[in-house]
Amino acid sequence: MNPNIALFALDASRDFGERVGGHLGMPLSAHEEREFEDGEHKARPLVSVRGQDVYAIHSLYAEPGLSVNDKLVRLLFFLGALRDAGAERITAAIPYLCYARKDQKSKPRDPVTTRYVAALFEAVGANRVVTLDVHNLAAFQNAFRCRTEHLEARKLFVEHFAALLGGAAAAVVSPDIGGVKRAELFRQALSRRLGREVGSAFMEKQRSSGVVSGDTLVGDVRGRAVVVLDDLISTGTTLARAVSACHAAGATHIHAAASHGLFVGGAEALFANPALQRVVVTDSVPPFRLSDAAHAKLTVLDAAALFAEAIRRMHDGGSLVELLET
């Protein structure tokens, strides 16, 4: 790659960043993160970034000792420091983007937090934000005034499940109406990869004040191996409903897939369901909240290679469209 590039990863995302750097054949650039006694902190590059194309990797999920807000502020301040240090172009590479689910007013006087987060990135001088499988692509693209790049894990899932399903009759299920388009694109790509038609179905669901209702499965899954596809798994209740409905409707095998595995609250119960064979996620969020028993049913796919190739293409002026084609 052109030497006029610098790759950073904040401490909480160092493991992911090192794997991205490994795929690119380049080490992470040195930086400092310093904590102060009153809870304030600072971050700065320890190498010159003047005139360089700079990429800062940080995944914005909560973990013990670091809230989502902690991580967001650390990244914003680091991007600002890069701008003040004379970086030519600054790209925030964010495997999991926080607040992406709050993208519209669902109740009177509700905030549209996705838009506010976008304004913060713009305020500190980010030229571009790159993330993976946001909850609502249109809302993400419309929230930002700086350039955005949206990566998709679809190709990773297609390759994984094409090998797993073999010659079995299959169907792709969306666990709610809002995810039908995502599931359909995956179904079409999987059909092309398998060389045969894959069925489809979706769940009818409503959510109000955090309570999920609705249990009607629309579509035929009887006698088929099913992949229930979503963008993320939080408490797992949405997927659990879909798994139970597919099992009752006669599915032979049931797998769940999501780009981001947050696994909060009672998500462990999802893995205890005997009707569910496997849960497949990417490594955008490490599955540190799960027990060893749950890990026995979990497959984690490598998204670092996808980010590395995206960074390579962005730096060299290549096409990301070709990267996402399945």
C-alpha atoms as a PDB file:
ATOM      1  CA  MET A   1       0.000   0.000   0.000  1.00  0.00           C
ATOM      2  CA  ASN A   2       0.957   3.653  -0.432  1.00  0.00           C
ATOM      3  CA  PRO A   3       3.051   4.673   2.596  1.00  0.00           C
ATOM      4  CA  ASN A   4       0.962   7.829   3.063  1.00  0.00           C
ATOM      5  CA  ILE A   5      -1.445   6.013   5.383  1.00  0.00           C
ATOM      6  CA  ALA A   6      -1.795   5.575   9.127  1.00  0.00           C
ATOM      7  CA  LEU A   7      -3.924   2.945  10.888  1.00  0.00           C
ATOM      8  CA  PHE A   8      -4.942   3.405  14.531  1.00  0.00           C
ATOM      9  CA  ALA A   9      -7.136   1.406  16.883  1.00  0.00           C
ATOM     10  CA  LEU A  10      -8.156   2.691  20.290  1.00  0.00           C
ATOM     11  CA  ASP A  11      -7.239   0.399  23.173  1.00  0.00           C
ATOM     12  CA  ALA A  12     -10.685  -1.189  23.601  1.00  0.00           C
ATOM     13  CA  SER A  13     -10.656  -2.239  19.919  1.00  0.00           C
ATOM     14  CA  ARG A  14      -6.985  -3.107  19.663  1.00  0.00           C
ATOM     15  CA  ASP A  15      -7.538  -6.823  19.019  1.00  0.00           C
ATOM     16  CA  PHE A  16      -9.858  -6.128  16.077  1.00  0.00           C
ATOM     17  CA  GLY A  17      -7.517  -3.389  14.828  1.00  0.00           C
ATOM     18  CA  GLU A  18      -4.480  -5.669  14.917  1.00  0.00           C
ATOM     19  CA  ARG A  19      -6.333  -8.243  12.846  1.00  0.00           C
ATOM     20  CA  VAL A  20      -7.271  -5.536  10.324  1.00  0.00           C
ATOM     21  CA  GLY A  21      -3.630  -4.488  10.212  1.00  0.00           C
ATOM     22  CA  GLY A  22      -2.582  -8.114   9.783  1.00  0.00           C
ATOM     23  CA  HIS A  23      -4.806  -8.459   6.715  1.00  0.00           C
ATOM     24  CA  LEU A  24      -3.322  -5.231   5.333  1.00  0.00           C
ATOM     25  CA  GLY A  25       0.243  -6.237   6.152  1.00  0.00           C
ATOM     26  CA  MET A  26       0.848  -3.142   8.255  1.00  0.00           C
ATOM     27  CA  PRO A  27       1.162  -2.522  12.013  1.00  0.00           C
ATOM     28  CA  LEU A  28      -1.043  -0.196  14.012  1.00  0.00           C
ATOM     29  CA  SER A  29       0.382   3.287  14.466  1.00  0.00           C
ATOM     30  CA  ALA A  30       1.304   4.233  18.021  1.00  0.00           C
ATOM     31  CA  HIS A  31      -1.025   6.337  20.133  1.00  0.00           C
ATOM     32  CA  GLU A  32      -1.505   7.246  23.775  1.00  0.00           C
ATOM     33  CA  GLU A  33      -4.625   7.013  25.910  1.00  0.00           C
ATOM     34  CA  ARG A  34      -4.309   8.571  29.338  1.00  0.00           C
ATOM     35  CA  GLU A  35      -6.751   8.473  32.252  1.00  0.00           C
ATOM     36  CA  PHE A  36      -7.084  11.214  34.851  1.00  0.00           C
ATOM     37  CA  GLU A  37      -8.185  10.880  38.446  1.00  0.00           C
ATOM     38  CA  ASP A  38     -11.504  12.673  37.926  1.00  0.00           C
ATOM     39  CA  GLY A  39     -12.587  10.350  35.106  1.00  0.00           C
ATOM     40  CA  GLU A  40     -11.481  12.584  32.235  1.00  0.00           C
ATOM     41  CA  HIS A  41      -9.104  11.235  29.606  1.00  0.00           C
ATOM     42  CA  LYS A  42      -7.159  12.129  26.508  1.00  0.00           C
ATOM     43  CA  ALA A  43      -5.957  10.317  23.414  1.00  0.00           C
ATOM     44  CA  ARG A  44      -3.373  11.429  20.868  1.00  0.00           C
ATOM     45  CA  PRO A  45      -1.287   9.966  18.043  1.00  0.00           C
ATOM     46  CA  LEU A  46       2.372   9.392  18.922  1.00  0.00           C
ATOM     47  CA  VAL A  47       3.506   9.591  15.304  1.00  0.00           C
ATOM     48  CA  SER A  48       3.152  12.343  12.737  1.00  0.00           C
ATOM     49  CA  VAL A  49      -0.074  12.188  10.728  1.00  0.00           C
ATOM     50  CA  ARG A  50       0.387  15.465   8.865  1.00  0.00           C
ATOM     51  CA  GLY A  51      -0.804  15.124   5.285  1.00  0.00           C
ATOM     52  CA  GLN A  52      -1.747  11.458   5.759  1.00  0.00           C
ATOM     53  CA  ASP A  53      -4.806   9.339   5.025  1.00  0.00           C
ATOM     54  CA  VAL A  54      -5.731   8.217   8.554  1.00  0.00           C
ATOM     55  CA  TYR A  55      -8.052   5.390   9.671  1.00  0.00           C
ATOM     56  CA  ALA A  56      -9.164   5.090  13.298  1.00  0.00           C
ATOM     57  CA  ILE A  57     -10.821   1.812  14.335  1.00  0.00           C
ATOM     58  CA  HIS A  58     -13.159   1.674  17.321  1.00  0.00           C
ATOM     59  CA  SER A  59     -16.269  -0.476  17.867  1.00  0.00           C
ATOM     60  CA  LEU A  60     -18.903   1.317  19.947  1.00  0.00           C
ATOM     61  CA  TYR A  61     -20.449  -1.321  22.222  1.00  0.00           C
ATOM     62  CA  ALA A  62     -20.544  -1.285  26.028  1.00  0.00           C
ATOM     63  CA  GLU A  63     -18.284  -3.525  28.080  1.00  0.00           C
ATOM     64  CA  PRO A  64     -17.277  -3.713  31.748  1.00  0.00           C
ATOM     65  CA  GLY A  65     -15.655  -0.420  32.728  1.00  0.00           C
ATOM     66  CA  LEU A  66     -16.509   1.344  29.451  1.00  0.00           C
ATOM     67  CA  SER A  67     -19.998   2.466  28.529  1.00  0.00           C
ATOM     68  CA  VAL A  68     -21.100   3.183  24.966  1.00  0.00           C
ATOM     69  CA  ASN A  69     -20.859   6.881  25.801  1.00  0.00           C
ATOM     70  CA  ASP A  70     -17.297   6.495  27.108  1.00  0.00           C
ATOM     71  CA  LYS A  71     -16.229   4.854  23.873  1.00  0.00           C
ATOM     72  CA  LEU A  72     -18.029   7.360  21.676  1.00  0.00           C
ATOM     73  CA  VAL A  73     -16.429  10.344  23.405  1.00  0.00           C
ATOM     74  CA  ARG A  74     -12.964   8.757  23.290  1.00  0.00           C
ATOM     75  CA  LEU A  75     -13.270   8.195  19.554  1.00  0.00           C
ATOM     76  CA  LEU A  76     -14.588  11.711  18.916  1.00  0.00           C
ATOM     77  CA  PHE A  77     -11.769  13.313  20.896  1.00  0.00           C
ATOM     78  CA  PHE A  78      -9.177  11.168  19.126  1.00  0.00           C
ATOM     79  CA  LEU A  79     -10.561  12.157  15.715  1.00  0.00           C
ATOM     80  CA  GLY A  80     -10.361  15.799  16.780  1.00  0.00           C
ATOM     81  CA  ALA A  81      -6.733  15.309  17.834  1.00  0.00           C
ATOM     82  CA  LEU A  82      -5.955  13.792  14.430  1.00  0.00           C
ATOM     83  CA  ARG A  83      -7.531  16.779  12.708  1.00  0.00           C
ATOM     84  CA  ASP A  84      -5.542  19.221  14.836  1.00  0.00           C
ATOM     85  CA  ALA A  85      -2.368  17.234  14.067  1.00  0.00           C
ATOM     86  CA  GLY A  86      -2.807  17.934  10.356  1.00  0.00           C
ATOM     87  CA  ALA A  87      -4.229  14.671   8.985  1.00  0.00           C
ATOM     88  CA  GLU A  88      -5.252  15.097   5.359  1.00  0.00           C
ATOM     89  CA  ARG A  89      -8.232  12.718   5.508  1.00  0.00           C
ATOM     90  CA  ILE A  90      -9.770  11.054   8.559  1.00  0.00           C
ATOM     91  CA  THR A  91     -11.922   7.937   8.396  1.00  0.00           C
ATOM     92  CA  ALA A  92     -13.671   6.489  11.444  1.00  0.00           C
ATOM     93  CA  ALA A  93     -13.928   2.713  10.953  1.00  0.00           C
ATOM     94  CA  ILE A  94     -16.652   1.547  13.340  1.00  0.00           C
ATOM     95  CA  PRO A  95     -17.546  -2.173  13.250  1.00  0.00           C
ATOM     96  CA  TYR A  96     -20.558  -1.571  15.531  1.00  0.00           C
ATOM     97  CA  LEU A  97     -22.102   1.913  15.492  1.00  0.00           C
ATOM     98  CA  CYS A  98     -23.933   2.880  18.666  1.00  0.00           C
ATOM     99  CA  TYR A  99     -27.317   4.668  18.655  1.00  0.00           C
ATOM    100  CA  ALA A 100     -28.062   3.468  15.109  1.00  0.00           C
ATOM    101  CA  ARG A 101     -31.406   1.989  16.250  1.00  0.00           C
ATOM    102  CA  LYS A 102     -32.809   5.329  17.406  1.00  0.00           C
ATOM    103  CA  ASP A 103     -33.253   6.680  13.894  1.00  0.00           C
ATOM    104  CA  GLN A 104     -36.779   8.114  14.001  1.00  0.00           C
ATOM    105  CA  LYS A 105     -39.409   9.605  16.292  1.00  0.00           C
ATOM    106  CA  SER A 106     -41.576   6.736  17.506  1.00  0.00           C
ATOM    107  CA  LYS A 107     -43.275   8.769  20.265  1.00  0.00           C
ATOM    108  CA  PRO A 108     -44.058  12.502  20.696  1.00  0.00           C
ATOM    109  CA  ARG A 109     -40.925  14.587  21.400  1.00  0.00           C
ATOM    110  CA  ASP A 110     -38.643  11.598  20.843  1.00  0.00           C
ATOM    111  CA  PRO A 111     -34.979  12.261  19.978  1.00  0.00           C
ATOM    112  CA  VAL A 112     -33.488  11.175  16.659  1.00  0.00           C
ATOM    113  CA  THR A 113     -30.201  10.157  18.236  1.00  0.00           C
ATOM    114  CA  THR A 114     -28.637   8.750  15.064  1.00  0.00           C
ATOM    115  CA  ARG A 115     -28.669  12.244  13.577  1.00  0.00           C
ATOM    116  CA  TYR A 116     -27.141  13.796  16.699  1.00  0.00           C
ATOM    117  CA  VAL A 117     -24.303  11.260  16.682  1.00  0.00           C
ATOM    118  CA  ALA A 118     -23.672  12.031  13.007  1.00  0.00           C
ATOM    119  CA  ALA A 119     -23.387  15.741  13.832  1.00  0.00           C
ATOM    120  CA  LEU A 120     -20.761  14.949  16.493  1.00  0.00           C
ATOM    121  CA  PHE A 121     -18.554  13.110  13.999  1.00  0.00           C
ATOM    122  CA  GLU A 122     -18.853  15.986  11.570  1.00  0.00           C
ATOM    123  CA  ALA A 123     -18.058  18.524  14.307  1.00  0.00           C
ATOM    124  CA  VAL A 124     -14.674  16.943  15.123  1.00  0.00           C
ATOM    125  CA  GLY A 125     -13.654  16.831  11.467  1.00  0.00           C
ATOM    126  CA  ALA A 126     -14.303  13.254  10.328  1.00  0.00           C
ATOM    127  CA  ASN A 127     -14.231  13.067   6.535  1.00  0.00           C
ATOM    128  CA  ARG A 128     -15.818   9.639   6.372  1.00  0.00           C
ATOM    129  CA  VAL A 129     -17.539   7.070   8.591  1.00  0.00           C
ATOM    130  CA  VAL A 130     -17.418   3.362   7.724  1.00  0.00           C
ATOM    131  CA  THR A 131     -19.559   0.847   9.561  1.00  0.00           C
ATOM    132  CA  LEU A 132     -21.085  -2.611   9.226  1.00  0.00           C
ATOM    133  CA  ASP A 133     -24.774  -3.479   8.727  1.00  0.00           C
ATOM    134  CA  VAL A 134     -26.599  -0.635  10.421  1.00  0.00           C
ATOM    135  CA  HIS A 135     -30.184  -1.132  11.585  1.00  0.00           C
ATOM    136  CA  ASN A 136     -31.677   1.237   9.004  1.00  0.00           C
ATOM    137  CA  LEU A 137     -29.466   1.988   6.010  1.00  0.00           C
ATOM    138  CA  ALA A 138     -31.545   4.897   4.665  1.00  0.00           C
ATOM    139  CA  ALA A 139     -31.579   6.600   8.069  1.00  0.00           C
ATOM    140  CA  PHE A 140     -27.803   6.128   8.418  1.00  0.00           C
ATOM    141  CA  GLN A 141     -27.075   7.557   4.988  1.00  0.00           C
ATOM    142  CA  ASN A 142     -29.402  10.526   5.490  1.00  0.00           C
ATOM    143  CA  ALA A 143     -28.126  11.354   8.996  1.00  0.00           C
ATOM    144  CA  PHE A 144     -24.550  12.099   7.942  1.00  0.00           C
ATOM    145  CA  ARG A 145     -23.363  15.048   5.881  1.00  0.00           C
ATOM    146  CA  CYS A 146     -19.825  13.680   5.710  1.00  0.00           C
ATOM    147  CA  ARG A 147     -19.205  10.708   3.450  1.00  0.00           C
ATOM    148  CA  THR A 148     -20.359   7.278   4.633  1.00  0.00           C
ATOM    149  CA  GLU A 149     -19.508   3.754   3.545  1.00  0.00           C
ATOM    150  CA  HIS A 150     -21.754   0.870   4.541  1.00  0.00           C
ATOM    151  CA  LEU A 151     -20.217  -2.607   4.676  1.00  0.00           C
ATOM    152  CA  GLU A 152     -22.347  -5.742   4.697  1.00  0.00           C
ATOM    153  CA  ALA A 153     -21.705  -9.184   6.138  1.00  0.00           C
ATOM    154  CA  ARG A 154     -23.987 -10.840   3.567  1.00  0.00           C
ATOM    155  CA  LYS A 155     -21.140 -12.430   1.616  1.00  0.00           C
ATOM    156  CA  LEU A 156     -19.673 -13.893   4.818  1.00  0.00           C
ATOM    157  CA  PHE A 157     -23.022 -15.440   5.727  1.00  0.00           C
ATOM    158  CA  VAL A 158     -23.653 -16.733   2.209  1.00  0.00           C
ATOM    159  CA  GLU A 159     -20.330 -18.604   2.112  1.00  0.00           C
ATOM    160  CA  HIS A 160     -20.845 -19.996   5.601  1.00  0.00           C
ATOM    161  CA  PHE A 161     -24.377 -21.256   5.081  1.00  0.00           C
ATOM    162  CA  ALA A 162     -23.799 -22.508   1.533  1.00  0.00           C
ATOM    163  CA  ALA A 163     -21.243 -24.930   2.962  1.00  0.00           C
ATOM    164  CA  LEU A 164     -23.442 -25.785   5.947  1.00  0.00           C
ATOM    165  CA  LEU A 165     -26.729 -26.380   4.102  1.00  0.00           C
ATOM    166  CA  GLY A 166     -25.342 -28.523   1.306  1.00  0.00           C
ATOM    167  CA  GLY A 167     -28.212 -30.030  -0.679  1.00  0.00           C
ATOM    168  CA  ALA A 168     -30.931 -29.490   1.937  1.00  0.00           C
ATOM    169  CA  ALA A 169     -34.121 -27.618   1.086  1.00  0.00           C
ATOM    170  CA  ALA A 170     -33.742 -24.199   2.744  1.00  0.00           C
ATOM    171  CA  ALA A 171     -35.573 -21.005   3.641  1.00  0.00           C
ATOM    172  CA  VAL A 172     -34.523 -17.580   4.922  1.00  0.00           C
ATOM    173  CA  VAL A 173     -36.725 -16.005   7.590  1.00  0.00           C
ATOM    174  CA  SER A 174     -36.863 -12.365   8.682  1.00  0.00           C
ATOM    175  CA  PRO A 175     -37.816 -12.101  12.383  1.00  0.00           C
ATOM    176  CA  ASP A 176     -39.820  -8.929  11.664  1.00  0.00           C
ATOM    177  CA  ILE A 177     -41.289  -6.989   8.752  1.00  0.00           C
ATOM    178  CA  GLY A 178     -38.598  -4.304   8.976  1.00  0.00           C
ATOM    179  CA  GLY A 179     -35.897  -6.827   8.122  1.00  0.00           C
ATOM    180  CA  VAL A 180     -37.629  -8.344   5.081  1.00  0.00           C
ATOM    181  CA  LYS A 181     -35.476  -6.482   2.533  1.00  0.00           C
ATOM    182  CA  ARG A 182     -32.266  -7.525   4.288  1.00  0.00           C
ATOM    183  CA  ALA A 183     -33.427 -11.139   4.425  1.00  0.00           C
ATOM    184  CA  GLU A 184     -34.524 -11.072   0.776  1.00  0.00           C
ATOM    185  CA  LEU A 185     -31.145  -9.839  -0.444  1.00  0.00           C
ATOM    186  CA  PHE A 186     -29.492 -12.610   1.540  1.00  0.00           C
ATOM    187  CA  ARG A 187     -31.986 -15.173   0.192  1.00  0.00           C
ATOM    188  CA  GLN A 188     -31.275 -14.138  -3.393  1.00  0.00           C
ATOM    189  CA  ALA A 189     -27.510 -14.306  -2.878  1.00  0.00           C
ATOM    190  CA  LEU A 190     -27.759 -17.697  -1.161  1.00  0.00           C
ATOM    191  CA  SER A 191     -29.960 -18.999  -3.985  1.00  0.00           C
ATOM    192  CA  ARG A 192     -27.352 -17.942  -6.549  1.00  0.00           C
ATOM    193  CA  ARG A 193     -24.565 -19.514  -4.528  1.00  0.00           C
ATOM    194  CA  LEU A 194     -26.443 -22.808  -4.083  1.00  0.00           C
ATOM    195  CA  GLY A 195     -27.727 -22.848  -7.640  1.00  0.00           C
ATOM    196  CA  ARG A 196     -31.312 -23.490  -6.544  1.00  0.00           C
ATOM    197  CA  GLU A 197     -34.252 -21.567  -5.144  1.00  0.00           C
ATOM    198  CA  VAL A 198     -34.336 -20.841  -1.413  1.00  0.00           C
ATOM    199  CA  GLY A 199     -37.693 -20.157   0.232  1.00  0.00           C
ATOM    200  CA  SER A 200     -38.626 -17.128   2.328  1.00  0.00           C
ATOM    201  CA  ALA A 201     -40.828 -16.215   5.292  1.00  0.00           C
ATOM    202  CA  PHE A 202     -41.167 -13.435   7.857  1.00  0.00           C
ATOM    203  CA  MET A 203     -42.582 -12.877  11.326  1.00  0.00           C
ATOM    204  CA  GLU A 204     -45.305 -10.366  12.131  1.00  0.00           C
ATOM    205  CA  LYS A 205     -44.114  -8.308  15.108  1.00  0.00           C
ATOM    206  CA  GLN A 206     -44.939  -5.132  17.014  1.00  0.00           C
ATOM    207  CA  ARG A 207     -42.780  -3.401  19.623  1.00  0.00           C
ATOM    208  CA  SER A 208     -43.980  -0.748  22.083  1.00  0.00           C
ATOM    209  CA  SER A 209     -42.171   0.486  25.213  1.00  0.00           C
ATOM    210  CA  GLY A 210     -39.751  -2.418  24.867  1.00  0.00           C
ATOM    211  CA  VAL A 211     -42.506  -5.058  24.781  1.00  0.00           C
ATOM    212  CA  VAL A 212     -42.612  -7.336  21.728  1.00  0.00           C
ATOM    213  CA  SER A 213     -45.873  -8.893  20.550  1.00  0.00           C
ATOM    214  CA  GLY A 214     -47.107 -10.822  17.511  1.00  0.00           C
ATOM    215  CA  ASP A 215     -46.322 -14.452  16.664  1.00  0.00           C
ATOM    216  CA  THR A 216     -47.600 -15.072  13.121  1.00  0.00           C
ATOM    217  CA  LEU A 217     -45.177 -16.672  10.662  1.00  0.00           C
ATOM    218  CA  VAL A 218     -45.929 -15.756   7.048  1.00  0.00           C
ATOM    219  CA  GLY A 219     -44.422 -18.231   4.573  1.00  0.00           C
ATOM    220  CA  ASP A 220     -43.710 -21.956   4.324  1.00  0.00           C
ATOM    221  CA  VAL A 221     -40.750 -23.486   6.187  1.00  0.00           C
ATOM    222  CA  ARG A 222     -42.027 -27.054   6.580  1.00  0.00           C
ATOM    223  CA  GLY A 223     -39.365 -29.632   5.752  1.00  0.00           C
ATOM    224  CA  ARG A 224     -36.705 -26.946   5.269  1.00  0.00           C
ATOM    225  CA  ALA A 225     -33.500 -25.928   6.989  1.00  0.00           C
ATOM    226  CA  VAL A 226     -34.081 -22.353   8.097  1.00  0.00           C
ATOM    227  CA  VAL A 227     -31.750 -19.387   8.536  1.00  0.00           C
ATOM    228  CA  VAL A 228     -33.306 -16.623  10.649  1.00  0.00           C
ATOM    229  CA  LEU A 229     -31.417 -13.454   9.691  1.00  0.00           C
ATOM    230  CA  ASP A 230     -31.302 -10.175  11.622  1.00  0.00           C
ATOM    231  CA  ASP A 231     -28.923  -7.218  11.868  1.00  0.00           C
ATOM    232  CA  LEU A 232     -28.210  -7.673  15.572  1.00  0.00           C
ATOM    233  CA  ILE A 233     -29.026  -9.818  18.579  1.00  0.00           C
ATOM    234  CA  SER A 234     -29.623  -7.851  21.769  1.00  0.00           C
ATOM    235  CA  THR A 235     -31.739  -9.698  24.363  1.00  0.00           C
ATOM    236  CA  GLY A 236     -32.563 -12.405  21.816  1.00  0.00           C
ATOM    237  CA  THR A 237     -36.346 -12.232  22.323  1.00  0.00           C
ATOM    238  CA  THR A 238     -37.080 -11.370  18.685  1.00  0.00           C
ATOM    239  CA  LEU A 239     -35.035 -14.315  17.408  1.00  0.00           C
ATOM    240  CA  ALA A 240     -36.424 -16.653  20.060  1.00  0.00           C
ATOM    241  CA  ARG A 241     -39.976 -15.965  18.849  1.00  0.00           C
ATOM    242  CA  ALA A 242     -38.966 -16.658  15.257  1.00  0.00           C
ATOM    243  CA  VAL A 243     -37.163 -19.884  16.210  1.00  0.00           C
ATOM    244  CA  SER A 244     -40.204 -21.168  18.126  1.00  0.00           C
ATOM    245  CA  ALA A 245     -42.554 -20.271  15.258  1.00  0.00           C
ATOM    246  CA  CYS A 246     -40.350 -21.997  12.677  1.00  0.00           C
ATOM    247  CA  HIS A 247     -40.078 -25.096  14.857  1.00  0.00           C
ATOM    248  CA  ALA A 248     -43.864 -25.223  15.270  1.00  0.00           C
ATOM    249  CA  ALA A 249     -44.268 -24.801  11.497  1.00  0.00           C
ATOM    250  CA  GLY A 250     -42.175 -27.891  10.755  1.00  0.00           C
ATOM    251  CA  ALA A 251     -38.661 -26.570   9.995  1.00  0.00           C
ATOM    252  CA  THR A 252     -36.114 -29.403  10.109  1.00  0.00           C
ATOM    253  CA  HIS A 253     -33.112 -27.388  11.237  1.00  0.00           C
ATOM    254  CA  ILE A 254     -33.005 -23.792  12.507  1.00  0.00           C
ATOM    255  CA  HIS A 255     -29.986 -21.489  12.472  1.00  0.00           C
ATOM    256  CA  ALA A 256     -29.831 -17.829  13.503  1.00  0.00           C
ATOM    257  CA  ALA A 257     -27.489 -15.231  12.016  1.00  0.00           C
ATOM    258  CA  ALA A 258     -26.839 -11.580  12.820  1.00  0.00           C
ATOM    259  CA  SER A 259     -24.010  -9.195  12.045  1.00  0.00           C
ATOM    260  CA  HIS A 260     -23.743  -7.952  15.628  1.00  0.00           C
ATOM    261  CA  GLY A 261     -24.055 -10.125  18.733  1.00  0.00           C
ATOM    262  CA  LEU A 262     -24.599  -7.843  21.726  1.00  0.00           C
ATOM    263  CA  PHE A 263     -26.105 -10.650  23.856  1.00  0.00           C
ATOM    264  CA  VAL A 264     -27.413  -8.519  26.702  1.00  0.00           C
ATOM    265  CA  GLY A 265     -30.102  -9.221  29.305  1.00  0.00           C
ATOM    266  CA  GLY A 266     -31.517 -12.718  28.965  1.00  0.00           C
ATOM    267  CA  ALA A 267     -29.850 -13.535  25.639  1.00  0.00           C
ATOM    268  CA  GLU A 268     -28.364 -16.678  27.145  1.00  0.00           C
ATOM    269  CA  ALA A 269     -31.853 -18.236  27.024  1.00  0.00           C
ATOM    270  CA  LEU A 270     -31.763 -18.157  23.221  1.00  0.00           C
ATOM    271  CA  PHE A 271     -28.941 -20.703  23.199  1.00  0.00           C
ATOM    272  CA  ALA A 272     -30.813 -22.996  25.581  1.00  0.00           C
ATOM    273  CA  ASN A 273     -33.603 -23.515  23.041  1.00  0.00           C
ATOM    274  CA  PRO A 274     -33.159 -27.102  21.725  1.00  0.00           C
ATOM    275  CA  ALA A 275     -34.845 -26.143  18.438  1.00  0.00           C
ATOM    276  CA  LEU A 276     -31.959 -23.809  17.597  1.00  0.00           C
ATOM    277  CA  GLN A 277     -28.913 -25.549  16.134  1.00  0.00           C
ATOM    278  CA  ARG A 278     -26.497 -22.633  15.788  1.00  0.00           C
ATOM    279  CA  VAL A 279     -26.062 -18.865  16.144  1.00  0.00           C
ATOM    280  CA  VAL A 280     -23.701 -17.151  13.702  1.00  0.00           C
ATOM    281  CA  VAL A 281     -22.389 -13.607  14.212  1.00  0.00           C
ATOM    282  CA  THR A 282     -19.396 -11.535  13.116  1.00  0.00           C
ATOM    283  CA  ASP A 283     -16.645 -10.330  15.441  1.00  0.00           C
ATOM    284  CA  SER A 284     -17.842  -6.687  15.337  1.00  0.00           C
ATOM    285  CA  VAL A 285     -18.715  -7.239  19.022  1.00  0.00           C
ATOM    286  CA  PRO A 286     -16.784  -9.879  21.003  1.00  0.00           C
ATOM    287  CA  PRO A 287     -19.229 -12.372  22.628  1.00  0.00           C
ATOM    288  CA  PHE A 288     -17.744 -11.809  26.093  1.00  0.00           C
ATOM    289  CA  ARG A 289     -21.119 -11.866  27.859  1.00  0.00           C
ATOM    290  CA  LEU A 290     -21.876 -15.493  26.954  1.00  0.00           C
ATOM    291  CA  SER A 291     -21.152 -18.601  29.023  1.00  0.00           C
ATOM    292  CA  ASP A 292     -19.079 -21.535  27.797  1.00  0.00           C
ATOM    293  CA  ALA A 293     -22.319 -23.471  27.226  1.00  0.00           C
ATOM    294  CA  ALA A 294     -23.615 -20.764  24.898  1.00  0.00           C
ATOM    295  CA  HIS A 295     -20.273 -20.581  23.072  1.00  0.00           C
ATOM    296  CA  ALA A 296     -20.717 -24.233  22.149  1.00  0.00           C
ATOM    297  CA  LYS A 297     -23.605 -23.148  19.888  1.00  0.00           C
ATOM    298  CA  LEU A 298     -21.886 -19.993  18.571  1.00  0.00           C
ATOM    299  CA  THR A 299     -19.918 -19.408  15.376  1.00  0.00           C
ATOM    300  CA  VAL A 300     -18.046 -16.104  14.965  1.00  0.00           C
ATOM    301  CA  LEU A 301     -17.097 -14.990  11.452  1.00  0.00           C
ATOM    302  CA  ASP A 302     -14.150 -12.686  10.723  1.00  0.00           C
ATOM    303  CA  ALA A 303     -15.209  -9.151   9.742  1.00  0.00           C
ATOM    304  CA  ALA A 304     -11.671  -7.768  10.151  1.00  0.00           C
ATOM    305  CA  ALA A 305     -10.767  -8.978   6.661  1.00  0.00           C
ATOM    306  CA  LEU A 306     -13.775  -7.128   5.243  1.00  0.00           C
ATOM    307  CA  PHE A 307     -12.732  -3.876   6.941  1.00  0.00           C
ATOM    308  CA  ALA A 308      -9.145  -4.361   5.814  1.00  0.00           C
ATOM    309  CA  GLU A 309     -10.156  -4.771   2.182  1.00  0.00           C
ATOM    310  CA  ALA A 310     -12.478  -1.756   2.442  1.00  0.00           C
ATOM    311  CA  ILE A 311      -9.631   0.359   3.847  1.00  0.00           C
ATOM    312  CA  ARG A 312      -7.310  -0.860   1.082  1.00  0.00           C
ATOM    313  CA  ARG A 313      -9.829   0.105  -1.577  1.00  0.00           C
ATOM    314  CA  MET A 314     -10.697   3.467  -0.010  1.00  0.00           C
ATOM    315  CA  HIS A 315      -7.030   4.403   0.222  1.00  0.00           C
ATOM    316  CA  ASP A 316      -6.244   3.266  -3.329  1.00  0.00           C
ATOM    317  CA  GLY A 317      -9.400   4.750  -4.852  1.00  0.00           C
ATOM    318  CA  GLY A 318     -10.942   1.345  -5.584  1.00  0.00           C
ATOM    319  CA  SER A 319     -14.598   0.337  -5.692  1.00  0.00           C
ATOM    320  CA  LEU A 320     -16.428  -0.754  -2.568  1.00  0.00           C
ATOM    321  CA  VAL A 321     -19.426  -1.748  -4.696  1.00  0.00           C
ATOM    322  CA  GLU A 322     -17.458  -4.673  -6.098  1.00  0.00           C
ATOM    323  CA  LEU A 323     -16.454  -5.670  -2.572  1.00  0.00           C
ATOM    324  CA  LEU A 324     -20.103  -6.017  -1.533  1.00  0.00           C
ATOM    325  CA  GLU A 325     -21.406  -7.847  -4.592  1.00  0.00           C
ATOM    326  CA  THR A 326     -22.617 -11.421  -3.977  1.00  0.00           C
END
